């Protein structure tokens, strides 16, 4: 085994190891609204669901090298509102393009060709092309020397027509193709899926693809 004492590593070395080993990570394309009224959009892969009661999600946003805040972090701190969009294959290239550093008065949505539409419960817009959008209000903030960790309470969910069965509250996974971050500049799809037996400590001889269940 390779043994590593994290206390003897630099923050950059720790980031490289953790970000390349804890994969794949879901990607949140987050929209916020600046005090100047400009809609900002930026992707973050340090993101996940934390719980359902209350329904909360987490995004972690690093400070810039000079200590300044990214527009997304500054906007959340100022307004307490943001929208998390799940990135699927159809939107992956435009999500990646939203990572470009732009002036605060320039909207990434306009630059990459995504369409803002009004949200139901928060001021930041949703993205029309996104298959899933969670409208969030700020629930709690954790600040570290290098990051802000924002915990958002989900107030509203919007999903592409046909993706959710609201009678059974099931998601049509056959028609849902999010992408994940796989370290460095690599991404991965979620098409190669399989199910494992339910009995504790047992598994079928051959895993069954989810699309066949």
C-alpha atoms as a PDB file:
ATOM      1  CA  UNK A   1       0.000   0.000   0.000  1.00  0.00           C
ATOM      2  CA  UNK A   2       1.076   3.576  -0.646  1.00  0.00           C
ATOM      3  CA  UNK A   3       0.731   5.428   2.663  1.00  0.00           C
ATOM      4  CA  UNK A   4       0.419   9.230   2.646  1.00  0.00           C
ATOM      5  CA  UNK A   5       0.494  11.555   5.657  1.00  0.00           C
ATOM      6  CA  UNK A   6      -1.726  14.462   4.613  1.00  0.00           C
ATOM      7  CA  UNK A   7      -0.242  16.715   7.267  1.00  0.00           C
ATOM      8  CA  UNK A   8       3.027  16.696   5.329  1.00  0.00           C
ATOM      9  CA  UNK A   9       1.479  17.682   1.982  1.00  0.00           C
ATOM     10  CA  UNK A  10       0.769  21.096   0.532  1.00  0.00           C
ATOM     11  CA  UNK A  11      -2.836  22.065  -0.114  1.00  0.00           C
ATOM     12  CA  UNK A  12      -2.235  21.709  -3.860  1.00  0.00           C
ATOM     13  CA  UNK A  13      -0.888  18.178  -3.420  1.00  0.00           C
ATOM     14  CA  UNK A  14      -3.890  17.235  -1.278  1.00  0.00           C
ATOM     15  CA  UNK A  15      -6.248  18.684  -3.880  1.00  0.00           C
ATOM     16  CA  UNK A  16      -4.620  16.743  -6.721  1.00  0.00           C
ATOM     17  CA  UNK A  17      -4.932  13.457  -4.852  1.00  0.00           C
ATOM     18  CA  UNK A  18      -8.447  13.931  -3.503  1.00  0.00           C
ATOM     19  CA  UNK A  19      -9.918  15.366  -6.715  1.00  0.00           C
ATOM     20  CA  UNK A  20      -8.486  12.513  -8.781  1.00  0.00           C
ATOM     21  CA  UNK A  21      -9.399   9.691  -6.374  1.00  0.00           C
ATOM     22  CA  UNK A  22     -12.867  10.725  -5.189  1.00  0.00           C
ATOM     23  CA  UNK A  23     -14.519  10.214  -8.559  1.00  0.00           C
ATOM     24  CA  UNK A  24     -16.754  10.379 -10.431  1.00  0.00           C
ATOM     25  CA  UNK A  25     -18.342  13.502  -8.976  1.00  0.00           C
ATOM     26  CA  UNK A  26     -21.658  14.977 -10.116  1.00  0.00           C
ATOM     27  CA  UNK A  27     -21.408  18.424 -11.665  1.00  0.00           C
ATOM     28  CA  UNK A  28     -23.580  21.308 -10.551  1.00  0.00           C
ATOM     29  CA  UNK A  29     -24.006  24.150 -13.020  1.00  0.00           C
ATOM     30  CA  UNK A  30     -24.970  26.927 -10.616  1.00  0.00           C
ATOM     31  CA  UNK A  31     -26.771  30.126 -11.539  1.00  0.00           C
ATOM     32  CA  UNK A  32     -26.753  33.175  -9.285  1.00  0.00           C
ATOM     33  CA  UNK A  33     -27.740  36.788  -9.710  1.00  0.00           C
ATOM     34  CA  UNK A  34     -25.259  39.607  -9.191  1.00  0.00           C
ATOM     35  CA  UNK A  35     -26.116  42.891  -7.521  1.00  0.00           C
ATOM     36  CA  UNK A  36     -25.783  44.391 -11.008  1.00  0.00           C
ATOM     37  CA  UNK A  37     -28.630  42.162 -12.210  1.00  0.00           C
ATOM     38  CA  UNK A  38     -26.384  39.984 -14.390  1.00  0.00           C
ATOM     39  CA  UNK A  39     -27.013  36.225 -14.278  1.00  0.00           C
ATOM     40  CA  UNK A  40     -23.863  34.239 -13.548  1.00  0.00           C
ATOM     41  CA  UNK A  41     -23.381  30.541 -14.328  1.00  0.00           C
ATOM     42  CA  UNK A  42     -20.467  28.371 -13.213  1.00  0.00           C
ATOM     43  CA  UNK A  43     -19.795  24.617 -12.882  1.00  0.00           C
ATOM     44  CA  UNK A  44     -18.692  22.966  -9.634  1.00  0.00           C
ATOM     45  CA  UNK A  45     -17.884  19.290  -9.107  1.00  0.00           C
ATOM     46  CA  UNK A  46     -17.379  19.560  -5.354  1.00  0.00           C
ATOM     47  CA  UNK A  47     -21.116  19.114  -5.040  1.00  0.00           C
ATOM     48  CA  UNK A  48     -23.592  16.569  -3.739  1.00  0.00           C
ATOM     49  CA  UNK A  49     -26.837  15.825  -1.927  1.00  0.00           C
ATOM     50  CA  UNK A  50     -26.564  15.882   1.868  1.00  0.00           C
ATOM     51  CA  UNK A  51     -30.057  14.918   3.009  1.00  0.00           C
ATOM     52  CA  UNK A  52     -33.791  14.938   2.347  1.00  0.00           C
ATOM     53  CA  UNK A  53     -35.294  16.217   5.612  1.00  0.00           C
ATOM     54  CA  UNK A  54     -34.613  19.040   5.165  1.00  0.00           C
ATOM     55  CA  UNK A  55     -33.747  18.652   1.460  1.00  0.00           C
ATOM     56  CA  UNK A  56     -30.213  20.041   1.305  1.00  0.00           C
ATOM     57  CA  UNK A  57     -27.379  20.073  -1.212  1.00  0.00           C
ATOM     58  CA  UNK A  58     -23.782  21.247  -0.894  1.00  0.00           C
ATOM     59  CA  UNK A  59     -21.449  23.141  -3.189  1.00  0.00           C
ATOM     60  CA  UNK A  60     -17.864  23.981  -2.286  1.00  0.00           C
ATOM     61  CA  UNK A  61     -16.282  27.026  -3.944  1.00  0.00           C
ATOM     62  CA  UNK A  62     -12.593  27.853  -3.693  1.00  0.00           C
ATOM     63  CA  UNK A  63     -11.204  31.318  -3.187  1.00  0.00           C
ATOM     64  CA  UNK A  64      -9.103  32.773  -5.985  1.00  0.00           C
ATOM     65  CA  UNK A  65      -5.331  32.857  -5.550  1.00  0.00           C
ATOM     66  CA  UNK A  66      -5.397  36.486  -4.415  1.00  0.00           C
ATOM     67  CA  UNK A  67      -8.102  35.747  -1.840  1.00  0.00           C
ATOM     68  CA  UNK A  68     -10.970  37.242  -3.856  1.00  0.00           C
ATOM     69  CA  UNK A  69     -14.258  35.415  -4.159  1.00  0.00           C
ATOM     70  CA  UNK A  70     -15.589  33.885  -7.324  1.00  0.00           C
ATOM     71  CA  UNK A  71     -18.750  35.571  -8.587  1.00  0.00           C
ATOM     72  CA  UNK A  72     -20.899  32.590  -7.563  1.00  0.00           C
ATOM     73  CA  UNK A  73     -19.697  32.720  -3.954  1.00  0.00           C
ATOM     74  CA  UNK A  74     -20.034  36.494  -3.739  1.00  0.00           C
ATOM     75  CA  UNK A  75     -23.553  36.366  -5.160  1.00  0.00           C
ATOM     76  CA  UNK A  76     -24.701  33.606  -2.781  1.00  0.00           C
ATOM     77  CA  UNK A  77     -23.329  35.474   0.211  1.00  0.00           C
ATOM     78  CA  UNK A  78     -25.116  38.644  -0.910  1.00  0.00           C
ATOM     79  CA  UNK A  79     -28.496  37.182  -1.866  1.00  0.00           C
ATOM     80  CA  UNK A  80     -28.734  33.770  -0.201  1.00  0.00           C
ATOM     81  CA  UNK A  81     -30.181  32.232  -3.365  1.00  0.00           C
ATOM     82  CA  UNK A  82     -28.930  29.983  -6.176  1.00  0.00           C
ATOM     83  CA  UNK A  83     -30.092  27.334  -8.639  1.00  0.00           C
ATOM     84  CA  UNK A  84     -28.293  24.000  -9.112  1.00  0.00           C
ATOM     85  CA  UNK A  85     -28.624  22.357 -12.530  1.00  0.00           C
ATOM     86  CA  UNK A  86     -27.544  18.782 -13.165  1.00  0.00           C
ATOM     87  CA  UNK A  87     -25.306  18.579 -16.220  1.00  0.00           C
ATOM     88  CA  UNK A  88     -26.258  15.952 -18.797  1.00  0.00           C
ATOM     89  CA  UNK A  89     -24.514  14.884 -21.998  1.00  0.00           C
ATOM     90  CA  UNK A  90     -26.443  17.302 -24.186  1.00  0.00           C
ATOM     91  CA  UNK A  91     -25.307  20.286 -22.110  1.00  0.00           C
ATOM     92  CA  UNK A  92     -21.786  19.145 -21.196  1.00  0.00           C
ATOM     93  CA  UNK A  93     -19.842  21.301 -23.654  1.00  0.00           C
ATOM     94  CA  UNK A  94     -21.725  24.458 -22.680  1.00  0.00           C
ATOM     95  CA  UNK A  95     -21.308  23.619 -18.991  1.00  0.00           C
ATOM     96  CA  UNK A  96     -17.545  23.374 -19.514  1.00  0.00           C
ATOM     97  CA  UNK A  97     -17.528  26.700 -21.365  1.00  0.00           C
ATOM     98  CA  UNK A  98     -19.227  28.360 -18.384  1.00  0.00           C
ATOM     99  CA  UNK A  99     -16.019  27.723 -16.424  1.00  0.00           C
ATOM    100  CA  UNK A 100     -14.252  30.504 -18.330  1.00  0.00           C
ATOM    101  CA  UNK A 101     -13.391  33.520 -16.179  1.00  0.00           C
ATOM    102  CA  UNK A 102     -15.491  36.473 -17.337  1.00  0.00           C
ATOM    103  CA  UNK A 103     -16.049  39.975 -15.957  1.00  0.00           C
ATOM    104  CA  UNK A 104     -18.930  40.212 -13.466  1.00  0.00           C
ATOM    105  CA  UNK A 105     -20.969  42.262 -15.942  1.00  0.00           C
ATOM    106  CA  UNK A 106     -20.888  39.520 -18.598  1.00  0.00           C
ATOM    107  CA  UNK A 107     -23.306  36.587 -18.317  1.00  0.00           C
ATOM    108  CA  UNK A 108     -21.915  33.146 -19.080  1.00  0.00           C
ATOM    109  CA  UNK A 109     -25.399  32.124 -20.207  1.00  0.00           C
ATOM    110  CA  UNK A 110     -25.348  34.675 -23.000  1.00  0.00           C
ATOM    111  CA  UNK A 111     -21.738  33.875 -23.898  1.00  0.00           C
ATOM    112  CA  UNK A 112     -22.271  30.107 -24.328  1.00  0.00           C
ATOM    113  CA  UNK A 113     -25.822  30.190 -25.703  1.00  0.00           C
ATOM    114  CA  UNK A 114     -27.912  28.923 -22.778  1.00  0.00           C
ATOM    115  CA  UNK A 115     -31.396  30.324 -22.176  1.00  0.00           C
ATOM    116  CA  UNK A 116     -32.329  31.880 -18.800  1.00  0.00           C
ATOM    117  CA  UNK A 117     -35.959  31.535 -17.695  1.00  0.00           C
ATOM    118  CA  UNK A 118     -37.646  32.712 -14.467  1.00  0.00           C
ATOM    119  CA  UNK A 119     -37.429  30.502 -11.398  1.00  0.00           C
ATOM    120  CA  UNK A 120     -40.439  29.905  -9.145  1.00  0.00           C
ATOM    121  CA  UNK A 121     -39.017  30.552  -5.656  1.00  0.00           C
ATOM    122  CA  UNK A 122     -35.723  32.408  -6.117  1.00  0.00           C
ATOM    123  CA  UNK A 123     -34.470  35.376  -8.116  1.00  0.00           C
ATOM    124  CA  UNK A 124     -31.618  33.665 -10.035  1.00  0.00           C
ATOM    125  CA  UNK A 125     -32.876  32.235 -13.327  1.00  0.00           C
ATOM    126  CA  UNK A 126     -33.138  28.596 -14.294  1.00  0.00           C
ATOM    127  CA  UNK A 127     -31.586  27.271 -17.490  1.00  0.00           C
ATOM    128  CA  UNK A 128     -34.134  26.158 -20.060  1.00  0.00           C
ATOM    129  CA  UNK A 129     -31.848  23.530 -21.590  1.00  0.00           C
ATOM    130  CA  UNK A 130     -31.096  21.806 -18.259  1.00  0.00           C
ATOM    131  CA  UNK A 131     -32.850  18.502 -17.612  1.00  0.00           C
ATOM    132  CA  UNK A 132     -32.967  19.101 -13.835  1.00  0.00           C
ATOM    133  CA  UNK A 133     -32.913  22.282 -11.753  1.00  0.00           C
ATOM    134  CA  UNK A 134     -33.033  22.660  -7.961  1.00  0.00           C
ATOM    135  CA  UNK A 135     -33.996  26.133  -6.733  1.00  0.00           C
ATOM    136  CA  UNK A 136     -32.193  26.710  -3.420  1.00  0.00           C
ATOM    137  CA  UNK A 137     -31.990  29.167  -0.564  1.00  0.00           C
ATOM    138  CA  UNK A 138     -28.916  29.345   1.632  1.00  0.00           C
ATOM    139  CA  UNK A 139     -29.350  27.065   4.659  1.00  0.00           C
ATOM    140  CA  UNK A 140     -25.886  27.231   6.188  1.00  0.00           C
ATOM    141  CA  UNK A 141     -22.363  28.389   5.326  1.00  0.00           C
ATOM    142  CA  UNK A 142     -19.044  26.840   6.317  1.00  0.00           C
ATOM    143  CA  UNK A 143     -15.918  28.925   5.761  1.00  0.00           C
ATOM    144  CA  UNK A 144     -12.391  27.492   5.609  1.00  0.00           C
ATOM    145  CA  UNK A 145      -9.123  29.269   4.760  1.00  0.00           C
ATOM    146  CA  UNK A 146      -9.411  28.112   1.137  1.00  0.00           C
ATOM    147  CA  UNK A 147     -13.150  27.706   0.514  1.00  0.00           C
ATOM    148  CA  UNK A 148     -16.740  28.563   1.150  1.00  0.00           C
ATOM    149  CA  UNK A 149     -19.028  25.568   1.552  1.00  0.00           C
ATOM    150  CA  UNK A 150     -22.637  26.495   0.881  1.00  0.00           C
ATOM    151  CA  UNK A 151     -25.451  24.249   2.048  1.00  0.00           C
ATOM    152  CA  UNK A 152     -28.618  25.032   0.143  1.00  0.00           C
ATOM    153  CA  UNK A 153     -32.171  24.083   1.056  1.00  0.00           C
ATOM    154  CA  UNK A 154     -34.120  22.985  -2.014  1.00  0.00           C
ATOM    155  CA  UNK A 155     -37.374  24.914  -2.389  1.00  0.00           C
ATOM    156  CA  UNK A 156     -38.425  23.827  -5.886  1.00  0.00           C
ATOM    157  CA  UNK A 157     -37.527  21.172  -8.436  1.00  0.00           C
ATOM    158  CA  UNK A 158     -38.003  21.450 -12.189  1.00  0.00           C
ATOM    159  CA  UNK A 159     -37.323  18.491 -14.478  1.00  0.00           C
ATOM    160  CA  UNK A 160     -37.605  17.824 -18.183  1.00  0.00           C
ATOM    161  CA  UNK A 161     -41.045  16.568 -19.235  1.00  0.00           C
ATOM    162  CA  UNK A 162     -41.270  12.798 -18.885  1.00  0.00           C
ATOM    163  CA  UNK A 163     -38.243  12.442 -16.611  1.00  0.00           C
ATOM    164  CA  UNK A 164     -40.218  12.088 -13.350  1.00  0.00           C
ATOM    165  CA  UNK A 165     -43.301   9.983 -12.682  1.00  0.00           C
ATOM    166  CA  UNK A 166     -45.092  12.099 -10.061  1.00  0.00           C
ATOM    167  CA  UNK A 167     -47.590   9.330  -9.311  1.00  0.00           C
ATOM    168  CA  UNK A 168     -44.928   6.823  -8.216  1.00  0.00           C
ATOM    169  CA  UNK A 169     -42.194   9.456  -7.535  1.00  0.00           C
ATOM    170  CA  UNK A 170     -39.740   7.566  -9.686  1.00  0.00           C
ATOM    171  CA  UNK A 171     -37.155   8.883 -12.125  1.00  0.00           C
ATOM    172  CA  UNK A 172     -36.952   7.472 -15.636  1.00  0.00           C
ATOM    173  CA  UNK A 173     -33.287   6.494 -15.431  1.00  0.00           C
ATOM    174  CA  UNK A 174     -33.295   5.159 -18.995  1.00  0.00           C
ATOM    175  CA  UNK A 175     -33.773   8.730 -20.192  1.00  0.00           C
ATOM    176  CA  UNK A 176     -31.412  10.424 -17.735  1.00  0.00           C
ATOM    177  CA  UNK A 177     -27.753  10.770 -18.757  1.00  0.00           C
ATOM    178  CA  UNK A 178     -25.815  13.067 -16.416  1.00  0.00           C
ATOM    179  CA  UNK A 179     -22.052  13.395 -16.753  1.00  0.00           C
ATOM    180  CA  UNK A 180     -19.477  13.339 -13.962  1.00  0.00           C
ATOM    181  CA  UNK A 181     -16.060  14.812 -13.294  1.00  0.00           C
ATOM    182  CA  UNK A 182     -13.256  12.256 -13.421  1.00  0.00           C
ATOM    183  CA  UNK A 183     -10.209  14.164 -12.260  1.00  0.00           C
ATOM    184  CA  UNK A 184      -7.985  16.650 -14.114  1.00  0.00           C
ATOM    185  CA  UNK A 185      -9.814  17.705 -17.293  1.00  0.00           C
ATOM    186  CA  UNK A 186     -11.622  14.414 -17.783  1.00  0.00           C
ATOM    187  CA  UNK A 187     -15.353  13.758 -17.676  1.00  0.00           C
ATOM    188  CA  UNK A 188     -17.297  10.508 -17.729  1.00  0.00           C
ATOM    189  CA  UNK A 189     -20.773   9.436 -18.789  1.00  0.00           C
ATOM    190  CA  UNK A 190     -23.180   7.316 -16.729  1.00  0.00           C
ATOM    191  CA  UNK A 191     -24.371   4.976 -19.463  1.00  0.00           C
ATOM    192  CA  UNK A 192     -22.572   1.822 -18.269  1.00  0.00           C
ATOM    193  CA  UNK A 193     -24.875   0.899 -15.389  1.00  0.00           C
ATOM    194  CA  UNK A 194     -25.497  -2.309 -13.479  1.00  0.00           C
ATOM    195  CA  UNK A 195     -27.474  -3.578 -10.504  1.00  0.00           C
ATOM    196  CA  UNK A 196     -26.222  -5.837  -7.722  1.00  0.00           C
ATOM    197  CA  UNK A 197     -28.335  -8.321  -5.701  1.00  0.00           C
ATOM    198  CA  UNK A 198     -30.232  -7.048  -2.653  1.00  0.00           C
ATOM    199  CA  UNK A 199     -29.292  -9.818  -0.214  1.00  0.00           C
ATOM    200  CA  UNK A 200     -26.573  -8.694   2.255  1.00  0.00           C
ATOM    201  CA  UNK A 201     -23.216 -10.212   1.428  1.00  0.00           C
ATOM    202  CA  UNK A 202     -24.363 -11.734  -1.846  1.00  0.00           C
ATOM    203  CA  UNK A 203     -24.266 -10.698  -5.475  1.00  0.00           C
ATOM    204  CA  UNK A 204     -25.542 -12.299  -8.664  1.00  0.00           C
ATOM    205  CA  UNK A 205     -23.067 -14.181 -10.795  1.00  0.00           C
ATOM    206  CA  UNK A 206     -23.633 -11.614 -13.532  1.00  0.00           C
ATOM    207  CA  UNK A 207     -24.585  -8.031 -12.739  1.00  0.00           C
ATOM    208  CA  UNK A 208     -27.776  -6.936 -14.483  1.00  0.00           C
ATOM    209  CA  UNK A 209     -27.699  -3.727 -16.524  1.00  0.00           C
ATOM    210  CA  UNK A 210     -30.158  -1.182 -15.082  1.00  0.00           C
ATOM    211  CA  UNK A 211     -31.824  -0.676 -18.466  1.00  0.00           C
ATOM    212  CA  UNK A 212     -32.923  -4.307 -18.361  1.00  0.00           C
ATOM    213  CA  UNK A 213     -34.629  -4.151 -14.965  1.00  0.00           C
END
